[in-house]
Protein backbone atom coordinates (compact mmCIF):
# COMPACT_ATOMS: atom_id res chain seq x y z
CA MET A 1 164.68 49.61 31.69
CA GLU A 2 162.38 52.46 30.77
CA LYS A 3 158.58 51.67 31.04
CA HIS A 4 156.63 51.70 27.61
CA LYS A 5 153.60 50.58 26.13
CA TRP A 6 153.87 46.96 24.80
CA THR A 7 152.50 45.81 21.26
CA ARG A 8 150.28 42.57 21.21
CA ALA A 9 153.63 40.63 19.90
CA GLU A 10 155.70 41.67 22.85
CA ILE A 11 152.98 40.91 25.34
CA ASP A 12 152.05 37.40 23.68
CA ALA A 13 156.01 36.68 24.13
CA TYR A 14 155.95 37.66 27.81
CA ARG A 15 153.22 35.29 28.25
CA LYS A 16 154.66 32.37 26.47
CA GLU A 17 157.90 33.20 28.50
CA ARG A 18 156.40 33.65 32.22
CA GLY A 19 153.29 31.23 31.41
CA SER A 20 151.27 33.20 34.11
CA GLY A 21 147.26 33.30 34.20
CA PHE A 22 147.46 36.86 35.27
CA TYR A 23 149.55 39.50 33.53
CA PHE A 24 151.84 41.41 35.85
CA ASN A 25 154.25 43.20 33.88
CA ARG A 26 156.08 46.15 35.45
CA GLU A 27 157.52 47.18 32.29
CA ASP A 28 154.41 47.90 30.28
CA ARG A 29 152.49 51.08 30.82
CA ASN A 30 149.45 49.28 29.55
CA LEU A 31 146.26 49.12 31.98
CA PHE A 32 144.53 47.16 29.94
CA VAL A 33 145.93 44.21 27.66
CA PRO A 34 144.34 41.76 25.21
CA LYS A 35 143.16 38.55 26.86
CA ALA A 36 145.68 35.47 26.59
CA TYR A 37 143.03 32.70 26.10
CA SER A 38 139.74 34.27 24.82
CA PHE A 39 138.45 37.67 23.61
CA GLY A 40 138.57 41.30 25.24
CA ARG A 41 140.67 43.05 27.73
CA THR A 42 142.40 42.09 31.16
CA LEU A 43 143.87 44.48 33.60
CA ASN A 44 147.85 44.72 33.73
CA TRP A 45 147.98 44.06 37.45
CA ALA A 46 151.67 45.78 37.79
CA ASN A 47 150.26 49.24 36.91
CA PRO A 48 148.69 50.75 40.43
CA ILE A 49 145.59 52.33 38.31
CA SER A 50 144.56 49.01 37.75
CA TRP A 51 144.03 48.55 41.58
CA VAL A 52 142.38 52.24 41.86
CA PHE A 53 140.13 51.18 39.27
CA LEU A 54 139.34 47.78 41.16
CA ALA A 55 138.86 49.63 44.33
CA ALA A 56 136.29 52.43 42.44
CA LEU A 57 134.54 49.49 40.99
CA ALA A 58 134.01 47.69 44.12
CA ALA A 59 132.89 51.03 46.14
CA PHE A 60 130.41 51.44 43.23
CA LEU A 61 129.16 48.19 43.92
CA VAL A 62 128.55 48.44 47.38
CA TRP A 63 127.14 51.79 47.04
CA ARG A 64 125.02 50.47 44.58
CA LEU A 65 123.78 47.83 46.75
CA ALA A 66 123.82 49.53 50.24
CA PHE A 67 121.53 52.37 48.79
CA HIS A 68 119.48 51.11 45.82
C-alpha cells in the first residue's frame, strides 16, 4: 500500500480500530496528527522525522541547560 496523508476521519477510524494511546501508523505520511482526547497535535511515531524532531528538541534543551 502506498503512503499518503490521512484525513482526520481516517485517523479517527484507525485509532478506534487499534485502540492505542500512541499514534504509530506507517501508512500515514503526516508528521503531526490531531490528539485523540484533547486539543492540539501529537506526533506520528512511525514517521522517522518525528524521531529527528524529538532528538533535536532534546539536544536543544540539554544545550540550553548546560550553557545558559
